[in-house]
Amino acid sequence: MLSTPSLHPFLSHFPVALAMAGLLMMGFAKRRNDTQMVQAAAFNFSAALLMGVMAIFSGLFAVDLGQWPVVEVEGHQGYSFAFVIVTIICTIYSYTNALSRNAFFFYIANVLLMAATAYSGYLLVFHSTSG
């Protein structure tokens, strides 16, 4: 009932929501020059990072249980690892130099990798040849 394959979809939606909320808060903080909003966005990025790591581990365990062939999962894993690495960079920027131009480059890259991860997960679940 609460096995790892059933937990992965539950855990994998938190980083998406938290990272998007952090990005929106960072945009509002830049627009309004609000330091409290920057702190809230940094917290959201930190929580997205923690949940992203948990989602990766649950996904790795789900792959080990062998629901899908590894070849089909590799693209999704690559995007998810890249998403977590860029989320680490975004989290560091959010605590050090949150409103810089370089930081916003990584924030946008984070959104693009998040979209690629979500889309590849969608294809894996709903359009898999073996699933």
C-alpha atoms as a PDB file:
ATOM      1  CA  MET A   1       0.000   0.000   0.000  1.00  0.00           C
ATOM      2  CA  LEU A   2       2.691   2.498   0.927  1.00  0.00           C
ATOM      3  CA  SER A   3       5.413   0.915  -1.148  1.00  0.00           C
ATOM      4  CA  THR A   4       8.147   2.952  -2.789  1.00  0.00           C
ATOM      5  CA  PRO A   5       6.601   2.968  -6.291  1.00  0.00           C
ATOM      6  CA  SER A   6       3.393   4.391  -4.858  1.00  0.00           C
ATOM      7  CA  LEU A   7       5.295   6.957  -2.767  1.00  0.00           C
ATOM      8  CA  HIS A   8       7.340   8.311  -5.665  1.00  0.00           C
ATOM      9  CA  PRO A   9       4.448  10.133  -7.401  1.00  0.00           C
ATOM     10  CA  PHE A  10       3.428  11.589  -4.041  1.00  0.00           C
ATOM     11  CA  LEU A  11       6.938  12.793  -3.200  1.00  0.00           C
ATOM     12  CA  SER A  12       7.799  13.998  -6.689  1.00  0.00           C
ATOM     13  CA  HIS A  13       5.115  16.686  -6.791  1.00  0.00           C
ATOM     14  CA  PHE A  14       6.436  18.581  -3.764  1.00  0.00           C
ATOM     15  CA  PRO A  15       9.679  19.824  -5.380  1.00  0.00           C
ATOM     16  CA  VAL A  16       7.729  21.123  -8.362  1.00  0.00           C
ATOM     17  CA  ALA A  17       5.304  23.114  -6.235  1.00  0.00           C
ATOM     18  CA  LEU A  18       7.942  24.383  -3.814  1.00  0.00           C
ATOM     19  CA  ALA A  19      10.384  25.414  -6.543  1.00  0.00           C
ATOM     20  CA  MET A  20       7.656  27.236  -8.473  1.00  0.00           C
ATOM     21  CA  ALA A  21       6.523  29.003  -5.298  1.00  0.00           C
ATOM     22  CA  GLY A  22      10.128  29.959  -4.564  1.00  0.00           C
ATOM     23  CA  LEU A  23      10.588  31.310  -8.062  1.00  0.00           C
ATOM     24  CA  LEU A  24       7.386  33.353  -7.881  1.00  0.00           C
ATOM     25  CA  MET A  25       8.357  34.704  -4.468  1.00  0.00           C
ATOM     26  CA  MET A  26      11.794  35.629  -5.792  1.00  0.00           C
ATOM     27  CA  GLY A  27      10.174  37.503  -8.669  1.00  0.00           C
ATOM     28  CA  PHE A  28       7.888  39.380  -6.288  1.00  0.00           C
ATOM     29  CA  ALA A  29      10.842  40.107  -3.998  1.00  0.00           C
ATOM     30  CA  LYS A  30      12.802  41.622  -6.870  1.00  0.00           C
ATOM     31  CA  ARG A  31       9.828  43.659  -7.996  1.00  0.00           C
ATOM     32  CA  ARG A  32       9.005  44.970  -4.506  1.00  0.00           C
ATOM     33  CA  ASN A  33      12.564  44.894  -3.087  1.00  0.00           C
ATOM     34  CA  ASP A  34      11.282  42.885  -0.114  1.00  0.00           C
ATOM     35  CA  THR A  35      13.858  41.010   1.981  1.00  0.00           C
ATOM     36  CA  GLN A  36      11.257  38.952   3.843  1.00  0.00           C
ATOM     37  CA  MET A  37       9.991  37.583   0.549  1.00  0.00           C
ATOM     38  CA  VAL A  38      13.572  36.618  -0.346  1.00  0.00           C
ATOM     39  CA  GLN A  39      13.835  34.686   2.927  1.00  0.00           C
ATOM     40  CA  ALA A  40      10.555  32.902   2.251  1.00  0.00           C
ATOM     41  CA  ALA A  41      11.718  32.025  -1.267  1.00  0.00           C
ATOM     42  CA  ALA A  42      15.006  30.692   0.130  1.00  0.00           C
ATOM     43  CA  PHE A  43      13.061  28.483   2.523  1.00  0.00           C
ATOM     44  CA  ASN A  44      10.950  27.184  -0.372  1.00  0.00           C
ATOM     45  CA  PHE A  45      14.068  26.366  -2.382  1.00  0.00           C
ATOM     46  CA  SER A  46      15.527  24.549   0.632  1.00  0.00           C
ATOM     47  CA  ALA A  47      12.343  22.528   1.071  1.00  0.00           C
ATOM     48  CA  ALA A  48      12.234  21.803  -2.685  1.00  0.00           C
ATOM     49  CA  LEU A  49      15.798  20.534  -2.475  1.00  0.00           C
ATOM     50  CA  LEU A  50      14.997  18.237   0.443  1.00  0.00           C
ATOM     51  CA  MET A  51      11.878  16.873  -1.227  1.00  0.00           C
ATOM     52  CA  GLY A  52      13.728  16.521  -4.538  1.00  0.00           C
ATOM     53  CA  VAL A  53      16.333  14.320  -2.900  1.00  0.00           C
ATOM     54  CA  MET A  54      13.576  12.234  -1.310  1.00  0.00           C
ATOM     55  CA  ALA A  55      11.822  11.930  -4.683  1.00  0.00           C
ATOM     56  CA  ILE A  56      15.048  10.802  -6.332  1.00  0.00           C
ATOM     57  CA  PHE A  57      15.652   8.123  -3.713  1.00  0.00           C
ATOM     58  CA  SER A  58      12.091   6.841  -3.955  1.00  0.00           C
ATOM     59  CA  GLY A  59      12.426   6.785  -7.746  1.00  0.00           C
ATOM     60  CA  LEU A  60      15.695   4.871  -7.549  1.00  0.00           C
ATOM     61  CA  PHE A  61      14.069   2.313  -5.282  1.00  0.00           C
ATOM     62  CA  ALA A  62      11.120   2.044  -7.668  1.00  0.00           C
ATOM     63  CA  VAL A  63      13.509   1.350 -10.550  1.00  0.00           C
ATOM     64  CA  ASP A  64      15.274  -1.302  -8.482  1.00  0.00           C
ATOM     65  CA  LEU A  65      11.946  -3.058  -8.029  1.00  0.00           C
ATOM     66  CA  GLY A  66      11.849  -3.373 -11.803  1.00  0.00           C
ATOM     67  CA  GLN A  67       8.552  -1.852 -12.895  1.00  0.00           C
ATOM     68  CA  TRP A  68      10.090  -0.333 -16.038  1.00  0.00           C
ATOM     69  CA  PRO A  69      13.155  -1.208 -18.074  1.00  0.00           C
ATOM     70  CA  VAL A  70      16.177   0.863 -17.094  1.00  0.00           C
ATOM     71  CA  VAL A  71      16.516   2.205 -20.644  1.00  0.00           C
ATOM     72  CA  GLU A  72      13.119   3.905 -20.417  1.00  0.00           C
ATOM     73  CA  VAL A  73      13.881   5.401 -17.023  1.00  0.00           C
ATOM     74  CA  GLU A  74      17.342   6.798 -17.789  1.00  0.00           C
ATOM     75  CA  GLY A  75      16.085   9.986 -19.459  1.00  0.00           C
ATOM     76  CA  HIS A  76      13.813  10.795 -16.558  1.00  0.00           C
ATOM     77  CA  GLN A  77      16.613  10.092 -14.088  1.00  0.00           C
ATOM     78  CA  GLY A  78      18.988  12.366 -15.975  1.00  0.00           C
ATOM     79  CA  TYR A  79      16.546  15.253 -15.926  1.00  0.00           C
ATOM     80  CA  SER A  80      15.745  14.707 -12.258  1.00  0.00           C
ATOM     81  CA  PHE A  81      19.413  14.615 -11.230  1.00  0.00           C
ATOM     82  CA  ALA A  82      20.058  17.798 -13.226  1.00  0.00           C
ATOM     83  CA  PHE A  83      16.998  19.416 -11.616  1.00  0.00           C
ATOM     84  CA  VAL A  84      18.293  18.631  -8.127  1.00  0.00           C
ATOM     85  CA  ILE A  85      21.789  19.903  -8.969  1.00  0.00           C
ATOM     86  CA  VAL A  86      20.387  23.178 -10.303  1.00  0.00           C
ATOM     87  CA  THR A  87      18.091  23.373  -7.256  1.00  0.00           C
ATOM     88  CA  ILE A  88      21.217  23.160  -5.079  1.00  0.00           C
ATOM     89  CA  ILE A  89      22.675  26.097  -7.009  1.00  0.00           C
ATOM     90  CA  CYS A  90      19.394  28.033  -6.710  1.00  0.00           C
ATOM     91  CA  THR A  91      19.281  27.379  -2.976  1.00  0.00           C
ATOM     92  CA  ILE A  92      22.840  28.638  -2.541  1.00  0.00           C
ATOM     93  CA  TYR A  93      22.065  31.744  -4.591  1.00  0.00           C
ATOM     94  CA  SER A  94      18.852  32.361  -2.659  1.00  0.00           C
ATOM     95  CA  TYR A  95      20.839  32.598   0.574  1.00  0.00           C
ATOM     96  CA  THR A  96      23.844  34.518  -0.775  1.00  0.00           C
ATOM     97  CA  ASN A  97      23.026  36.695  -3.793  1.00  0.00           C
ATOM     98  CA  ALA A  98      19.343  36.075  -4.382  1.00  0.00           C
ATOM     99  CA  LEU A  99      18.411  38.875  -6.737  1.00  0.00           C
ATOM    100  CA  SER A 100      21.422  38.845  -9.049  1.00  0.00           C
ATOM    101  CA  ARG A 101      21.231  38.285 -12.788  1.00  0.00           C
ATOM    102  CA  ASN A 102      23.187  35.033 -12.481  1.00  0.00           C
ATOM    103  CA  ALA A 103      20.736  33.769  -9.885  1.00  0.00           C
ATOM    104  CA  PHE A 104      17.787  34.405 -12.188  1.00  0.00           C
ATOM    105  CA  PHE A 105      19.569  32.500 -14.952  1.00  0.00           C
ATOM    106  CA  PHE A 106      19.664  29.458 -12.666  1.00  0.00           C
ATOM    107  CA  TYR A 107      16.071  30.032 -11.509  1.00  0.00           C
ATOM    108  CA  ILE A 108      14.907  29.894 -15.139  1.00  0.00           C
ATOM    109  CA  ALA A 109      17.105  26.854 -15.826  1.00  0.00           C
ATOM    110  CA  ASN A 110      15.478  25.237 -12.799  1.00  0.00           C
ATOM    111  CA  VAL A 111      12.022  25.754 -14.284  1.00  0.00           C
ATOM    112  CA  LEU A 112      13.093  24.307 -17.639  1.00  0.00           C
ATOM    113  CA  LEU A 113      14.643  21.239 -16.021  1.00  0.00           C
ATOM    114  CA  MET A 114      11.572  20.840 -13.835  1.00  0.00           C
ATOM    115  CA  ALA A 115       9.368  20.870 -16.924  1.00  0.00           C
ATOM    116  CA  ALA A 116      11.604  18.335 -18.681  1.00  0.00           C
ATOM    117  CA  THR A 117      11.560  16.080 -15.624  1.00  0.00           C
ATOM    118  CA  ALA A 118       7.793  16.282 -15.286  1.00  0.00           C
ATOM    119  CA  TYR A 119       7.226  15.651 -18.991  1.00  0.00           C
ATOM    120  CA  SER A 120       9.583  12.680 -19.102  1.00  0.00           C
ATOM    121  CA  GLY A 121       7.866  11.253 -16.014  1.00  0.00           C
ATOM    122  CA  TYR A 122       4.511  11.735 -17.698  1.00  0.00           C
ATOM    123  CA  LEU A 123       5.732   9.906 -20.792  1.00  0.00           C
ATOM    124  CA  LEU A 124       7.158   7.142 -18.644  1.00  0.00           C
ATOM    125  CA  VAL A 125       3.917   6.556 -16.774  1.00  0.00           C
ATOM    126  CA  PHE A 126       1.279   7.152 -19.432  1.00  0.00           C
ATOM    127  CA  HIS A 127       3.059   6.265 -22.673  1.00  0.00           C
ATOM    128  CA  SER A 128       5.439   3.529 -21.607  1.00  0.00           C
ATOM    129  CA  THR A 129       5.836   0.548 -23.918  1.00  0.00           C
ATOM    130  CA  SER A 130       6.147  -1.835 -20.992  1.00  0.00           C
ATOM    131  CA  GLY A 131       4.066  -0.243 -18.266  1.00  0.00           C
END
